[in-house]
Amino acid sequence: MAEATIGDSEFDRDTAITLREEGVYDTELSAGWTIFGAVNGGYLLAVVGRALADALPHGDPFSVSAHYLSASDPGPAVIRTETVRSGRTLATGQASLLQTADDGTEVERIRVLATYGDLDALSDEVHTTAKPPAIPPIEHCLGAEDSPAPPVAGTAAITERLRLKLDPATCGWAVGAPSGKGEMRAWFELADHRDADPLSLLLTVDALPPTAFELGIRGWVPTVELTVHVRCRPAPGPLRVSITTRNPAGGFLEEDAEVWDSADRLVAQSRQLALAPRG
C-alpha cells in the first residue's frame, strides 16, 4: 500500500510511513517526541515497527531488538526493510532507519531485528508467577501538573504527549529528594487517550522518566540496545508500567520494564542497556 493507515491520534500521525518502493519507506520524525533534543528511542522503535508490520506478512510485533547507532534528529528519514524469513505463523525481518547528514551522506540511526506474528492466534492458557506492580490508584498518583518543581530541562516535548501519573514512592527526584532506589512506576496513557495496541507498546516501555533520576543522577540516558517482547494485545484503558535497574556500573545501566493492562495481564516486557548520565 502507498501509505500506512493512520488514525486521528497524534501518535498515529507521527509514526506514519509512506512506501517509496518495495521494502523502502519514507517518514518524518516529529520534534514532539524528543527528550534533551534527541528523538526518543521508544518512539523511533514504533516508527520502524510500523514499517516492519507493513513489510512482513504478519502484523503484530512479538520480539523486537534494536541497536541505537547514533542520535536521531527531527525531520525526514528513510526506513529500509528486509524479510529474513517468512513462515506460516511467524516472520522475521530487519530494518534500518537512516537520515541524511549535512554532507549528503546517509547515517544509520537505528538497526532492528524483529519477529512478527498474530497475537490473536495465541492460546489463552496462562501459567505465571508474575504480578501487576503495586501502584496507588491513578487519582493518588502524580503527574507533571502536580509537581511543585519545574520540569527537567529538555523533557517537555515528549511529556506533553503522554499522560503519566507516577507512583509517589518513585518521584522523589522531582522535588530534590530521590529515594536512592532504581525504580520507576506509573500509570501510562497517550495524552489524547488513544487506546494502547501492540505498536504503541514499543513506545510505552521507554516513556517513563529514567530510573537514574531516583538514584539522584539527572540528565539524558541514551539507549544503546533495547529488546521488547509483546505478550498479548492490551485491553482498553490506562496501562501500569514498572521499570527497575539493579546494576548501574561502568557508566552503563540496565532497565527492566513490565507493562500491565487494565485486565491485569502482562502485555509487554523489555530490557535495555543505556549510558548513565554523567550528573
Protein backbone atom coordinates (compact mmCIF):
# COMPACT_ATOMS: atom_id res chain seq x y z
CA MET A 1 0.00 0.00 0.00
CA ALA A 2 1.14 3.54 -0.72
CA GLU A 3 0.67 4.84 2.81
CA ALA A 4 0.03 3.19 6.15
CA THR A 5 -3.45 3.59 7.56
CA ILE A 6 -3.40 6.13 10.37
CA GLY A 7 -5.95 7.23 12.92
CA ASP A 8 -6.75 10.55 14.47
CA SER A 9 -4.15 10.16 17.23
CA GLU A 10 -1.01 12.26 17.19
CA PHE A 11 0.95 9.06 17.77
CA ASP A 12 -0.51 7.53 14.59
CA ARG A 13 0.18 10.65 12.55
CA ASP A 14 3.73 10.94 13.87
CA THR A 15 4.58 7.29 13.15
CA ALA A 16 3.10 7.37 9.63
CA ILE A 17 5.14 5.83 6.82
CA THR A 18 4.91 6.11 3.03
CA LEU A 19 6.03 3.31 0.74
CA ARG A 20 8.65 4.59 -1.72
CA GLU A 21 9.45 1.23 -3.29
CA GLU A 22 9.35 -2.38 -2.17
CA GLY A 23 10.87 -2.57 1.32
CA VAL A 24 11.72 1.15 1.49
CA TYR A 25 9.63 3.70 3.43
CA ASP A 26 9.80 7.44 3.95
CA THR A 27 8.82 9.03 7.26
CA GLU A 28 9.06 12.33 9.10
CA LEU A 29 10.37 12.15 12.67
CA SER A 30 8.41 14.59 14.80
CA ALA A 31 10.04 17.07 17.17
CA GLY A 32 7.18 16.34 19.56
CA TRP A 33 8.80 13.11 20.75
CA THR A 34 12.21 14.48 21.70
CA ILE A 35 13.98 14.42 25.04
CA PHE A 36 17.07 16.55 25.64
CA GLY A 37 16.95 17.40 21.92
CA ALA A 38 17.16 13.80 20.65
CA VAL A 39 14.27 11.72 19.35
CA ASN A 40 13.01 9.25 21.99
CA GLY A 41 14.13 5.65 21.44
CA GLY A 42 10.71 4.11 22.05
CA TYR A 43 9.09 6.43 19.52
CA LEU A 44 11.79 5.53 16.98
CA LEU A 45 11.15 1.85 17.60
CA ALA A 46 7.43 2.37 16.97
CA VAL A 47 8.15 4.11 13.65
CA VAL A 48 10.42 1.29 12.50
CA GLY A 49 7.96 -1.23 13.93
CA ARG A 50 5.19 0.20 11.76
CA ALA A 51 7.33 -0.22 8.64
CA LEU A 52 8.08 -3.85 9.52
CA ALA A 53 4.39 -4.51 10.17
CA ASP A 54 3.69 -3.30 6.64
CA ALA A 55 6.60 -5.17 5.04
CA LEU A 56 6.07 -8.55 6.73
CA PRO A 57 3.13 -10.94 6.18
CA HIS A 58 2.22 -10.85 9.90
CA GLY A 59 1.36 -7.54 11.54
CA ASP A 60 1.96 -7.90 15.30
CA PRO A 61 5.41 -7.45 16.89
CA PHE A 62 6.37 -10.39 19.10
CA SER A 63 10.07 -9.74 19.72
CA VAL A 64 11.84 -6.55 18.63
CA SER A 65 15.53 -5.87 19.26
CA ALA A 66 17.10 -2.54 18.37
CA HIS A 67 20.62 -1.16 18.45
CA TYR A 68 20.84 2.64 18.54
CA LEU A 69 23.83 3.68 16.46
CA SER A 70 23.57 7.48 16.54
CA ALA A 71 21.19 10.11 17.88
CA SER A 72 18.22 10.80 15.59
CA ASP A 73 17.07 14.32 14.73
CA PRO A 74 13.55 15.52 13.97
CA GLY A 75 12.97 15.60 10.23
CA PRO A 76 12.96 13.30 7.20
CA ALA A 77 14.17 9.71 7.48
CA VAL A 78 14.11 6.58 5.38
CA ILE A 79 13.50 3.03 6.61
CA ARG A 80 14.94 0.12 4.63
CA THR A 81 13.46 -3.27 5.46
CA GLU A 82 14.34 -6.85 4.54
CA THR A 83 12.42 -10.08 5.11
CA VAL A 84 14.80 -12.58 6.68
CA ARG A 85 12.36 -15.48 6.99
CA SER A 86 8.64 -15.84 6.38
CA GLY A 87 6.75 -18.76 7.92
CA ARG A 88 3.12 -19.73 8.38
CA THR A 89 2.85 -18.30 11.91
CA LEU A 90 5.95 -16.15 12.34
CA ALA A 91 8.01 -13.87 10.13
CA THR A 92 11.38 -12.29 10.88
CA GLY A 93 12.63 -9.10 9.34
CA GLN A 94 15.29 -6.48 9.79
CA ALA A 95 15.19 -2.75 9.25
CA SER A 96 17.43 0.28 9.40
CA LEU A 97 16.37 3.89 9.88
CA LEU A 98 18.68 6.39 8.18
CA GLN A 99 18.90 10.16 7.88
CA THR A 100 20.86 12.37 5.51
CA ALA A 101 23.74 14.27 7.07
CA ASP A 102 24.76 17.82 6.15
CA ASP A 103 27.37 16.46 3.70
CA GLY A 104 24.73 14.42 1.87
CA THR A 105 25.72 11.01 3.20
CA GLU A 106 23.21 8.64 4.79
CA VAL A 107 23.75 7.99 8.50
CA GLU A 108 22.22 4.89 10.08
CA ARG A 109 20.43 5.78 13.31
CA ILE A 110 18.89 2.50 14.44
CA ARG A 111 19.03 -1.13 13.28
CA VAL A 112 16.26 -3.55 14.23
CA LEU A 113 15.80 -7.32 14.05
CA ALA A 114 12.24 -8.43 14.81
CA THR A 115 9.84 -11.35 14.72
CA TYR A 116 6.17 -10.71 13.95
CA GLY A 117 3.08 -12.90 14.19
CA ASP A 118 -0.63 -12.79 15.03
CA LEU A 119 -1.33 -12.09 18.71
CA ASP A 120 -4.99 -13.05 18.28
CA ALA A 121 -3.94 -16.57 17.33
CA LEU A 122 -2.14 -17.20 20.64
CA SER A 123 -3.52 -19.62 23.22
CA ASP A 124 -5.45 -18.19 26.18
CA GLU A 125 -3.61 -20.55 28.53
CA VAL A 126 -1.53 -18.68 31.14
CA HIS A 127 0.81 -20.07 33.81
CA THR A 128 2.62 -17.21 35.51
CA THR A 129 4.00 -16.13 38.85
CA ALA A 130 4.23 -12.50 37.70
CA LYS A 131 2.00 -9.98 39.45
CA PRO A 132 0.98 -6.44 38.50
CA PRO A 133 3.04 -3.71 40.18
CA ALA A 134 1.64 -2.27 43.39
CA ILE A 135 0.76 1.26 42.29
CA PRO A 136 -1.72 3.50 44.15
CA PRO A 137 -4.97 4.34 42.35
CA ILE A 138 -4.43 6.74 39.48
CA GLU A 139 -6.11 9.61 41.35
CA HIS A 140 -3.48 9.26 44.10
CA CYS A 141 -0.53 9.37 41.71
CA LEU A 142 1.30 12.45 40.47
CA GLY A 143 1.53 13.98 37.01
CA ALA A 144 3.65 16.83 35.72
CA GLU A 145 0.89 19.27 36.66
CA ASP A 146 1.10 18.14 40.30
CA SER A 147 4.81 18.77 40.82
CA PRO A 148 5.91 21.94 42.63
CA ALA A 149 9.27 21.64 40.86
CA PRO A 150 9.88 22.89 37.30
CA PRO A 151 10.20 20.19 34.63
CA VAL A 152 13.64 18.82 33.85
CA ALA A 153 15.06 21.00 31.07
CA GLY A 154 14.75 19.35 27.66
CA THR A 155 11.98 16.89 28.58
CA ALA A 156 8.85 18.95 27.92
CA ALA A 157 8.26 17.91 24.28
CA ILE A 158 7.58 14.23 24.90
CA THR A 159 5.90 14.70 28.28
CA GLU A 160 3.24 16.89 26.66
CA ARG A 161 2.22 13.90 24.52
CA LEU A 162 1.89 11.49 27.43
CA ARG A 163 -0.41 11.20 30.42
CA LEU A 164 1.91 9.85 33.07
CA LYS A 165 0.83 9.50 36.69
CA LEU A 166 3.81 8.50 38.78
CA ASP A 167 3.71 6.43 41.94
CA PRO A 168 4.60 8.96 44.68
CA ALA A 169 7.12 6.46 46.04
CA THR A 170 9.16 6.79 42.85
CA CYS A 171 9.06 10.52 42.15
CA GLY A 172 11.11 11.99 45.00
CA TRP A 173 13.59 13.12 42.33
CA ALA A 174 11.05 15.74 41.17
CA VAL A 175 11.36 17.61 44.49
CA GLY A 176 15.06 17.04 45.03
CA ALA A 177 14.64 14.01 47.32
CA PRO A 178 15.37 10.88 45.25
CA SER A 179 14.80 7.60 47.06
CA GLY A 180 18.12 6.09 46.03
CA LYS A 181 16.27 3.08 44.58
CA GLY A 182 16.42 2.30 40.86
CA GLU A 183 12.64 2.09 40.46
CA MET A 184 10.03 3.95 38.46
CA ARG A 185 6.31 3.09 38.39
CA ALA A 186 3.44 4.89 36.70
CA TRP A 187 0.05 4.78 35.09
CA PHE A 188 0.50 5.42 31.36
CA GLU A 189 -1.69 6.71 28.55
CA LEU A 190 -1.15 8.81 25.47
CA ALA A 191 -2.32 12.35 26.13
CA ASP A 192 -5.18 12.07 23.62
CA HIS A 193 -6.35 8.83 25.30
CA ARG A 194 -5.67 6.66 22.25
CA ASP A 195 -6.03 3.04 23.39
CA ALA A 196 -2.83 1.04 23.53
CA ASP A 197 -2.05 -1.50 20.83
CA PRO A 198 0.99 -3.72 20.12
CA LEU A 199 2.74 -0.94 18.20
CA SER A 200 2.32 1.71 20.89
CA LEU A 201 3.73 -0.72 23.48
CA LEU A 202 7.11 -0.25 21.77
CA LEU A 203 6.91 3.37 22.93
CA THR A 204 5.46 2.61 26.36
CA VAL A 205 8.45 0.60 27.60
CA ASP A 206 10.74 3.62 27.04
CA ALA A 207 8.46 6.51 28.00
CA LEU A 208 8.84 6.89 31.79
CA PRO A 209 11.47 9.10 33.42
CA PRO A 210 14.76 7.20 33.70
CA THR A 211 15.33 5.16 36.84
CA ALA A 212 18.60 7.06 37.17
CA PHE A 213 16.58 10.07 38.36
CA GLU A 214 15.57 8.17 41.51
CA LEU A 215 19.26 7.32 42.02
CA GLY A 216 19.97 11.05 42.17
CA ILE A 217 21.51 11.22 38.69
CA ARG A 218 19.94 13.71 36.27
CA GLY A 219 20.47 14.04 32.55
CA TRP A 220 19.96 12.27 29.22
CA VAL A 221 20.08 8.46 29.37
CA PRO A 222 20.70 7.41 25.73
CA THR A 223 19.69 3.86 24.85
CA VAL A 224 22.37 1.55 23.47
CA GLU A 225 20.19 -1.54 22.94
CA LEU A 226 16.51 -2.24 23.60
CA THR A 227 14.63 -5.55 23.31
CA VAL A 228 10.84 -5.66 23.66
CA HIS A 229 8.61 -8.73 23.97
CA VAL A 230 4.93 -8.11 23.26
CA ARG A 231 2.94 -10.83 25.00
CA CYS A 232 -0.70 -10.06 24.14
CA ARG A 233 -2.96 -7.37 22.73
CA PRO A 234 -3.71 -4.85 25.52
CA ALA A 235 -7.24 -4.24 26.78
CA PRO A 236 -8.56 -0.64 26.57
CA GLY A 237 -7.70 1.67 29.44
CA PRO A 238 -4.61 3.00 31.21
CA LEU A 239 -1.53 0.81 31.46
CA ARG A 240 0.64 0.24 34.52
CA VAL A 241 4.38 0.36 33.92
CA SER A 242 7.14 -0.74 36.27
CA ILE A 243 10.83 -0.18 35.48
CA THR A 244 13.79 -1.23 37.61
CA THR A 245 17.55 -1.10 37.45
CA ARG A 246 19.85 -3.12 39.70
CA ASN A 247 23.35 -2.65 38.34
CA PRO A 248 24.50 0.83 37.34
CA ALA A 249 28.18 0.16 36.72
CA GLY A 250 30.95 1.16 34.37
CA GLY A 251 29.00 4.12 33.05
CA PHE A 252 26.05 1.98 31.94
CA LEU A 253 22.79 0.81 33.46
CA GLU A 254 20.12 -1.73 32.54
CA GLU A 255 16.39 -1.12 32.77
CA ASP A 256 13.83 -3.92 33.01
CA ALA A 257 10.26 -2.92 32.21
CA GLU A 258 6.90 -4.62 32.62
CA VAL A 259 3.65 -3.28 31.15
CA TRP A 260 0.29 -4.43 32.52
CA ASP A 261 -3.13 -3.68 31.06
CA SER A 262 -6.50 -2.95 32.69
CA ALA A 263 -7.31 -6.68 32.70
CA ASP A 264 -4.25 -7.41 34.90
CA ARG A 265 -2.36 -9.07 32.04
CA LEU A 266 1.35 -8.69 31.41
CA VAL A 267 1.22 -7.32 27.86
CA ALA A 268 4.87 -6.35 27.28
CA GLN A 269 8.32 -6.78 28.79
CA SER A 270 11.61 -5.18 27.87
CA ARG A 271 15.23 -4.83 28.79
CA GLN A 272 17.53 -2.08 27.66
CA LEU A 273 21.15 -1.12 28.13
CA ALA A 274 21.71 2.62 28.41
CA LEU A 275 24.50 5.07 29.08
CA ALA A 276 24.27 6.50 32.58
CA PRO A 277 24.13 10.30 32.87
CA ARG A 278 27.31 11.98 33.99
CA GLY A 279 25.46 14.15 36.53
